[in-house]
Amino acid sequence: MILEEFLQILNILNQNIDTDSPAYKLKYSYKRNPYTILMTTLLSLRTKDENTAKVASKLFNTIQTPQQLLQLSQEELETIVRPTGMYRQKAQTLIDISQTLINKFNSKVPQTKDELLSLKGVGEKTANIVLNNAFSGGTIAVDTHVHRLCNMWNIIDTKDEKQSSKVLNEIIPTQYKENLNFSLVSFGQTVCTIKNTKCDICRIKNIYNLCEKITLI
């Protein structure tokens, strides 16, 4: 598949986001600002979007600042975030980063990747998600769905998510970067899933003989 074809597919997917997808429900489960986006992204690591959405809804429709989060005791926070797994570690990370934001960044989430990566517990994937969602930072966050679908459609040929992130951020025009992750993740969660492709409801199955090129990985 050539890049132009892929960008047309992105346009179609972006215009037809499944509101039942876990990614959609997570995105609209809480009041979003740079701080809550960062905290929710940290909670989402190694857990399902459905579980993250439940916790984000409980926490971040009332808590909007690091000061407000630190009003909770560690035990209270651990109880709330427990559904996301690794709850003690995640609660501690949220506390530590909230305190760092207060001490070093005037309670604001930094807007550069280097500064985000300086926060203990924030890796490249988290930084890219925050830059993309909170600041329209022109970066592509790559997870398993983005990596899988882009390789399946032969837009890239990469071995892991980190390599996919590097290549996609080099070849995808800036105006497509903001919505790429959300569109592909929603599509990968509901239609072209890892275990089952639902071709009967796929809006792009007849484009460029797409299905004839697919080899699930």
C-alpha atoms as a PDB file:
ATOM      1  CA  MET A   1       0.000   0.000   0.000  1.00  0.00           C
ATOM      2  CA  ILE A   2       1.292   3.426  -0.864  1.00  0.00           C
ATOM      3  CA  LEU A   3       1.150   6.289   1.607  1.00  0.00           C
ATOM      4  CA  GLU A   4      -1.576   8.135  -0.296  1.00  0.00           C
ATOM      5  CA  GLU A   5      -3.911   5.132  -0.032  1.00  0.00           C
ATOM      6  CA  PHE A   6      -3.210   4.784   3.668  1.00  0.00           C
ATOM      7  CA  LEU A   7      -4.035   8.438   4.302  1.00  0.00           C
ATOM      8  CA  GLN A   8      -7.365   8.013   2.515  1.00  0.00           C
ATOM      9  CA  ILE A   9      -8.129   5.063   4.763  1.00  0.00           C
ATOM     10  CA  LEU A  10      -7.267   7.175   7.814  1.00  0.00           C
ATOM     11  CA  ASN A  11      -9.758   9.798   6.652  1.00  0.00           C
ATOM     12  CA  ILE A  12     -12.499   7.196   6.403  1.00  0.00           C
ATOM     13  CA  LEU A  13     -11.706   5.669   9.784  1.00  0.00           C
ATOM     14  CA  ASN A  14     -11.523   9.074  11.446  1.00  0.00           C
ATOM     15  CA  GLN A  15     -14.982   9.938  10.140  1.00  0.00           C
ATOM     16  CA  ASN A  16     -16.437   6.639  11.354  1.00  0.00           C
ATOM     17  CA  ILE A  17     -15.160   6.145  14.894  1.00  0.00           C
ATOM     18  CA  ASP A  18     -17.099   3.427  16.680  1.00  0.00           C
ATOM     19  CA  THR A  19     -18.601   5.008  19.790  1.00  0.00           C
ATOM     20  CA  ASP A  20     -18.732   1.548  21.373  1.00  0.00           C
ATOM     21  CA  SER A  21     -14.972   1.112  21.161  1.00  0.00           C
ATOM     22  CA  PRO A  22     -13.122   1.011  24.489  1.00  0.00           C
ATOM     23  CA  ALA A  23     -10.836   3.795  23.234  1.00  0.00           C
ATOM     24  CA  TYR A  24     -13.815   6.076  22.574  1.00  0.00           C
ATOM     25  CA  LYS A  25     -15.397   5.337  25.936  1.00  0.00           C
ATOM     26  CA  LEU A  26     -12.097   6.005  27.697  1.00  0.00           C
ATOM     27  CA  LYS A  27     -11.522   9.290  25.888  1.00  0.00           C
ATOM     28  CA  TYR A  28     -14.923  10.633  26.886  1.00  0.00           C
ATOM     29  CA  SER A  29     -15.107   9.166  30.383  1.00  0.00           C
ATOM     30  CA  TYR A  30     -13.454  12.093  32.168  1.00  0.00           C
ATOM     31  CA  LYS A  31     -12.791  15.828  32.009  1.00  0.00           C
ATOM     32  CA  ARG A  32      -9.662  16.220  29.935  1.00  0.00           C
ATOM     33  CA  ASN A  33      -6.845  18.658  30.477  1.00  0.00           C
ATOM     34  CA  PRO A  34      -3.071  18.084  30.180  1.00  0.00           C
ATOM     35  CA  TYR A  35      -2.838  16.921  33.794  1.00  0.00           C
ATOM     36  CA  THR A  36      -5.735  14.438  33.682  1.00  0.00           C
ATOM     37  CA  ILE A  37      -4.579  13.158  30.285  1.00  0.00           C
ATOM     38  CA  LEU A  38      -1.118  12.464  31.708  1.00  0.00           C
ATOM     39  CA  MET A  39      -2.495  10.756  34.821  1.00  0.00           C
ATOM     40  CA  THR A  40      -4.964   8.649  32.830  1.00  0.00           C
ATOM     41  CA  THR A  41      -2.266   7.600  30.381  1.00  0.00           C
ATOM     42  CA  LEU A  42      -0.140   6.374  33.276  1.00  0.00           C
ATOM     43  CA  LEU A  43      -3.100   4.414  34.650  1.00  0.00           C
ATOM     44  CA  SER A  44      -3.735   2.850  31.236  1.00  0.00           C
ATOM     45  CA  LEU A  45      -0.374   1.095  31.059  1.00  0.00           C
ATOM     46  CA  ARG A  46      -0.760  -2.675  30.855  1.00  0.00           C
ATOM     47  CA  THR A  47      -4.499  -2.634  31.403  1.00  0.00           C
ATOM     48  CA  LYS A  48      -7.667  -2.600  29.324  1.00  0.00           C
ATOM     49  CA  ASP A  49      -9.251   0.686  28.300  1.00  0.00           C
ATOM     50  CA  GLU A  50     -12.502  -0.428  29.934  1.00  0.00           C
ATOM     51  CA  ASN A  51     -10.825  -0.649  33.340  1.00  0.00           C
ATOM     52  CA  THR A  52      -8.994   2.624  32.864  1.00  0.00           C
ATOM     53  CA  ALA A  53     -12.239   4.360  31.904  1.00  0.00           C
ATOM     54  CA  LYS A  54     -13.914   3.289  35.155  1.00  0.00           C
ATOM     55  CA  VAL A  55     -11.064   4.664  37.240  1.00  0.00           C
ATOM     56  CA  ALA A  56     -10.615   7.849  35.183  1.00  0.00           C
ATOM     57  CA  SER A  57     -14.320   8.568  35.468  1.00  0.00           C
ATOM     58  CA  LYS A  58     -14.186   8.230  39.240  1.00  0.00           C
ATOM     59  CA  LEU A  59     -11.020  10.272  39.678  1.00  0.00           C
ATOM     60  CA  PHE A  60     -10.869  12.890  36.985  1.00  0.00           C
ATOM     61  CA  ASN A  61     -14.368  14.248  36.782  1.00  0.00           C
ATOM     62  CA  THR A  62     -13.639  15.936  40.100  1.00  0.00           C
ATOM     63  CA  ILE A  63      -9.847  16.017  40.396  1.00  0.00           C
ATOM     64  CA  GLN A  64      -8.294  18.381  37.853  1.00  0.00           C
ATOM     65  CA  THR A  65      -4.978  19.450  39.398  1.00  0.00           C
ATOM     66  CA  PRO A  66      -2.002  17.815  41.137  1.00  0.00           C
ATOM     67  CA  GLN A  67      -2.908  19.659  44.345  1.00  0.00           C
ATOM     68  CA  GLN A  68      -6.352  18.072  44.353  1.00  0.00           C
ATOM     69  CA  LEU A  69      -4.961  14.594  43.788  1.00  0.00           C
ATOM     70  CA  LEU A  70      -2.514  14.987  46.662  1.00  0.00           C
ATOM     71  CA  GLN A  71      -5.415  15.646  48.993  1.00  0.00           C
ATOM     72  CA  LEU A  72      -6.161  11.915  48.757  1.00  0.00           C
ATOM     73  CA  SER A  73      -4.251   9.584  51.029  1.00  0.00           C
ATOM     74  CA  GLN A  74      -2.133   6.939  49.347  1.00  0.00           C
ATOM     75  CA  GLU A  75      -4.508   4.262  50.666  1.00  0.00           C
ATOM     76  CA  GLU A  76      -7.524   6.043  49.177  1.00  0.00           C
ATOM     77  CA  LEU A  77      -5.785   6.426  45.836  1.00  0.00           C
ATOM     78  CA  GLU A  78      -4.686   2.778  45.796  1.00  0.00           C
ATOM     79  CA  THR A  79      -8.277   1.676  46.375  1.00  0.00           C
ATOM     80  CA  ILE A  80      -9.556   3.817  43.507  1.00  0.00           C
ATOM     81  CA  VAL A  81      -6.906   2.785  40.957  1.00  0.00           C
ATOM     82  CA  ARG A  82      -6.933  -0.903  41.900  1.00  0.00           C
ATOM     83  CA  PRO A  83      -8.997  -1.980  38.812  1.00  0.00           C
ATOM     84  CA  THR A  84      -6.135  -0.885  36.538  1.00  0.00           C
ATOM     85  CA  GLY A  85      -3.679  -3.364  38.082  1.00  0.00           C
ATOM     86  CA  MET A  86      -0.314  -2.722  39.726  1.00  0.00           C
ATOM     87  CA  TYR A  87      -2.312  -0.340  41.867  1.00  0.00           C
ATOM     88  CA  ARG A  88       0.314   0.352  44.522  1.00  0.00           C
ATOM     89  CA  GLN A  89       2.954   1.220  41.936  1.00  0.00           C
ATOM     90  CA  LYS A  90       0.523   3.319  39.887  1.00  0.00           C
ATOM     91  CA  ALA A  91      -0.788   5.194  42.908  1.00  0.00           C
ATOM     92  CA  GLN A  92       2.776   6.006  43.944  1.00  0.00           C
ATOM     93  CA  THR A  93       3.626   7.150  40.414  1.00  0.00           C
ATOM     94  CA  LEU A  94       0.627   9.488  40.317  1.00  0.00           C
ATOM     95  CA  ILE A  95       1.593  10.927  43.692  1.00  0.00           C
ATOM     96  CA  ASP A  96       5.269  11.344  42.794  1.00  0.00           C
ATOM     97  CA  ILE A  97       4.601  12.966  39.431  1.00  0.00           C
ATOM     98  CA  SER A  98       1.960  15.273  40.889  1.00  0.00           C
ATOM     99  CA  GLN A  99       4.475  16.455  43.472  1.00  0.00           C
ATOM    100  CA  THR A 100       7.152  16.914  40.804  1.00  0.00           C
ATOM    101  CA  LEU A 101       4.784  18.985  38.674  1.00  0.00           C
ATOM    102  CA  ILE A 102       4.132  21.242  41.659  1.00  0.00           C
ATOM    103  CA  ASN A 103       7.804  21.545  42.621  1.00  0.00           C
ATOM    104  CA  LYS A 104       9.460  21.853  39.219  1.00  0.00           C
ATOM    105  CA  PHE A 105       6.855  22.869  36.652  1.00  0.00           C
ATOM    106  CA  ASN A 106       4.587  25.320  38.469  1.00  0.00           C
ATOM    107  CA  SER A 107       1.880  22.620  38.626  1.00  0.00           C
ATOM    108  CA  LYS A 108       1.741  22.458  34.820  1.00  0.00           C
ATOM    109  CA  VAL A 109       2.378  19.480  32.550  1.00  0.00           C
ATOM    110  CA  PRO A 110       5.478  20.251  30.451  1.00  0.00           C
ATOM    111  CA  GLN A 111       4.983  20.560  26.716  1.00  0.00           C
ATOM    112  CA  THR A 112       8.253  19.089  25.450  1.00  0.00           C
ATOM    113  CA  LYS A 113       9.174  15.445  25.155  1.00  0.00           C
ATOM    114  CA  ASP A 114      12.449  15.862  27.001  1.00  0.00           C
ATOM    115  CA  GLU A 115      10.713  17.456  29.980  1.00  0.00           C
ATOM    116  CA  LEU A 116       7.994  14.799  29.998  1.00  0.00           C
ATOM    117  CA  LEU A 117      10.608  12.057  29.903  1.00  0.00           C
ATOM    118  CA  SER A 118      12.286  13.651  32.909  1.00  0.00           C
ATOM    119  CA  LEU A 119       9.243  12.671  34.992  1.00  0.00           C
ATOM    120  CA  LYS A 120       9.884   9.354  36.731  1.00  0.00           C
ATOM    121  CA  GLY A 121       7.546   6.740  35.269  1.00  0.00           C
ATOM    122  CA  VAL A 122       6.990   8.501  31.935  1.00  0.00           C
ATOM    123  CA  GLY A 123       8.355   6.668  28.914  1.00  0.00           C
ATOM    124  CA  GLU A 124       8.376   7.584  25.234  1.00  0.00           C
ATOM    125  CA  LYS A 125       4.953   6.083  24.509  1.00  0.00           C
ATOM    126  CA  THR A 126       3.338   7.985  27.389  1.00  0.00           C
ATOM    127  CA  ALA A 127       5.097  11.189  26.362  1.00  0.00           C
ATOM    128  CA  ASN A 128       3.871  10.842  22.776  1.00  0.00           C
ATOM    129  CA  ILE A 129       0.292  10.214  23.901  1.00  0.00           C
ATOM    130  CA  VAL A 130       0.340  13.284  26.126  1.00  0.00           C
ATOM    131  CA  LEU A 131       1.901  15.505  23.465  1.00  0.00           C
ATOM    132  CA  ASN A 132      -0.617  14.279  20.924  1.00  0.00           C
ATOM    133  CA  ASN A 133      -3.740  14.536  23.070  1.00  0.00           C
ATOM    134  CA  ALA A 134      -2.946  17.457  25.339  1.00  0.00           C
ATOM    135  CA  PHE A 135      -0.928  19.751  23.103  1.00  0.00           C
ATOM    136  CA  SER A 136      -1.533  18.568  19.512  1.00  0.00           C
ATOM    137  CA  GLY A 137       2.179  18.018  19.465  1.00  0.00           C
ATOM    138  CA  GLY A 138       2.446  16.434  16.038  1.00  0.00           C
ATOM    139  CA  THR A 139       3.537  13.044  17.373  1.00  0.00           C
ATOM    140  CA  ILE A 140       2.148   9.568  16.796  1.00  0.00           C
ATOM    141  CA  ALA A 141       1.668   7.310  19.781  1.00  0.00           C
ATOM    142  CA  VAL A 142       2.090   3.682  18.757  1.00  0.00           C
ATOM    143  CA  ASP A 143       0.481   0.801  20.599  1.00  0.00           C
ATOM    144  CA  THR A 144      -0.159  -2.789  19.600  1.00  0.00           C
ATOM    145  CA  HIS A 145      -3.067  -1.893  17.285  1.00  0.00           C
ATOM    146  CA  VAL A 146      -1.206   0.832  15.413  1.00  0.00           C
ATOM    147  CA  HIS A 147       1.852  -1.395  15.052  1.00  0.00           C
ATOM    148  CA  ARG A 148      -0.219  -4.395  13.935  1.00  0.00           C
ATOM    149  CA  LEU A 149      -2.477  -2.649  11.429  1.00  0.00           C
ATOM    150  CA  CYS A 150       0.228  -0.528   9.807  1.00  0.00           C
ATOM    151  CA  ASN A 151       2.362  -3.628   9.267  1.00  0.00           C
ATOM    152  CA  MET A 152      -0.615  -5.689   8.131  1.00  0.00           C
ATOM    153  CA  TRP A 153      -1.387  -3.101   5.454  1.00  0.00           C
ATOM    154  CA  ASN A 154       2.288  -2.922   4.444  1.00  0.00           C
ATOM    155  CA  ILE A 155       2.566   0.787   5.128  1.00  0.00           C
ATOM    156  CA  ILE A 156       5.585  -0.048   7.294  1.00  0.00           C
ATOM    157  CA  ASP A 157       7.762  -3.089   7.895  1.00  0.00           C
ATOM    158  CA  THR A 158       8.856  -2.997  11.526  1.00  0.00           C
ATOM    159  CA  LYS A 159       9.523  -5.472  14.318  1.00  0.00           C
ATOM    160  CA  ASP A 160       8.302  -3.593  17.383  1.00  0.00           C
ATOM    161  CA  GLU A 161       6.273  -0.585  18.528  1.00  0.00           C
ATOM    162  CA  LYS A 162       9.322   1.595  19.126  1.00  0.00           C
ATOM    163  CA  GLN A 163      10.555   1.114  15.583  1.00  0.00           C
ATOM    164  CA  SER A 164       7.017   1.663  14.255  1.00  0.00           C
ATOM    165  CA  SER A 165       6.817   4.946  16.142  1.00  0.00           C
ATOM    166  CA  LYS A 166      10.066   6.158  14.607  1.00  0.00           C
ATOM    167  CA  VAL A 167       9.076   5.260  11.044  1.00  0.00           C
ATOM    168  CA  LEU A 168       5.487   6.505  11.236  1.00  0.00           C
ATOM    169  CA  ASN A 169       6.514   9.817  12.745  1.00  0.00           C
ATOM    170  CA  GLU A 170       8.919  10.263   9.828  1.00  0.00           C
ATOM    171  CA  ILE A 171       6.520   9.422   6.980  1.00  0.00           C
ATOM    172  CA  ILE A 172       3.071  10.568   8.120  1.00  0.00           C
ATOM    173  CA  PRO A 173       2.196  14.211   7.361  1.00  0.00           C
ATOM    174  CA  THR A 174       1.684  16.345  10.456  1.00  0.00           C
ATOM    175  CA  GLN A 175      -2.026  16.974   9.847  1.00  0.00           C
ATOM    176  CA  TYR A 176      -2.724  13.224  10.087  1.00  0.00           C
ATOM    177  CA  LYS A 177      -0.738  12.546  13.236  1.00  0.00           C
ATOM    178  CA  GLU A 178      -3.189  13.864  15.807  1.00  0.00           C
ATOM    179  CA  ASN A 179      -5.975  11.376  15.050  1.00  0.00           C
ATOM    180  CA  LEU A 180      -4.019   8.389  13.747  1.00  0.00           C
ATOM    181  CA  ASN A 181      -3.712   6.552  17.053  1.00  0.00           C
ATOM    182  CA  PHE A 182      -7.326   7.082  18.115  1.00  0.00           C
ATOM    183  CA  SER A 183      -8.699   6.036  14.709  1.00  0.00           C
ATOM    184  CA  LEU A 184      -6.586   2.896  14.370  1.00  0.00           C
ATOM    185  CA  VAL A 185      -6.995   1.808  17.986  1.00  0.00           C
ATOM    186  CA  SER A 186     -10.789   2.152  17.787  1.00  0.00           C
ATOM    187  CA  PHE A 187     -10.811   0.216  14.509  1.00  0.00           C
ATOM    188  CA  GLY A 188      -8.474  -2.442  15.879  1.00  0.00           C
ATOM    189  CA  GLN A 189     -10.582  -2.892  19.003  1.00  0.00           C
ATOM    190  CA  THR A 190     -13.939  -3.280  17.262  1.00  0.00           C
ATOM    191  CA  VAL A 191     -13.569  -4.321  13.616  1.00  0.00           C
ATOM    192  CA  CYS A 192     -10.147  -5.616  12.615  1.00  0.00           C
ATOM    193  CA  THR A 193      -9.388  -7.186  15.966  1.00  0.00           C
ATOM    194  CA  ILE A 194      -6.430  -9.371  16.842  1.00  0.00           C
ATOM    195  CA  LYS A 195      -8.503 -12.531  17.125  1.00  0.00           C
ATOM    196  CA  ASN A 196     -11.329 -11.883  14.691  1.00  0.00           C
ATOM    197  CA  THR A 197     -11.803  -9.679  11.632  1.00  0.00           C
ATOM    198  CA  LYS A 198     -15.383  -8.450  11.215  1.00  0.00           C
ATOM    199  CA  CYS A 199     -15.288  -7.888   7.486  1.00  0.00           C
ATOM    200  CA  ASP A 200     -19.080  -7.713   7.253  1.00  0.00           C
ATOM    201  CA  ILE A 201     -19.087  -4.341   9.038  1.00  0.00           C
ATOM    202  CA  CYS A 202     -15.769  -3.016   7.751  1.00  0.00           C
ATOM    203  CA  ARG A 203     -16.060   0.320   5.942  1.00  0.00           C
ATOM    204  CA  ILE A 204     -12.749  -0.042   4.116  1.00  0.00           C
ATOM    205  CA  LYS A 205     -12.782  -3.700   3.048  1.00  0.00           C
ATOM    206  CA  ASN A 206     -13.290  -2.897  -0.641  1.00  0.00           C
ATOM    207  CA  ILE A 207     -10.677  -0.168  -0.853  1.00  0.00           C
ATOM    208  CA  TYR A 208      -7.672  -1.078  -3.009  1.00  0.00           C
ATOM    209  CA  ASN A 209      -8.460  -4.805  -2.554  1.00  0.00           C
ATOM    210  CA  LEU A 210      -7.364  -4.319   1.024  1.00  0.00           C
ATOM    211  CA  CYS A 211      -8.591  -7.652   2.351  1.00  0.00           C
ATOM    212  CA  GLU A 212      -6.694  -9.562  -0.326  1.00  0.00           C
ATOM    213  CA  LYS A 213      -3.462  -8.098   1.043  1.00  0.00           C
ATOM    214  CA  ILE A 214      -4.140  -8.870   4.678  1.00  0.00           C
ATOM    215  CA  THR A 215      -2.124 -11.455   6.527  1.00  0.00           C
ATOM    216  CA  LEU A 216      -2.865 -11.405  10.222  1.00  0.00           C
ATOM    217  CA  ILE A 217       0.216 -11.223  12.452  1.00  0.00           C
END
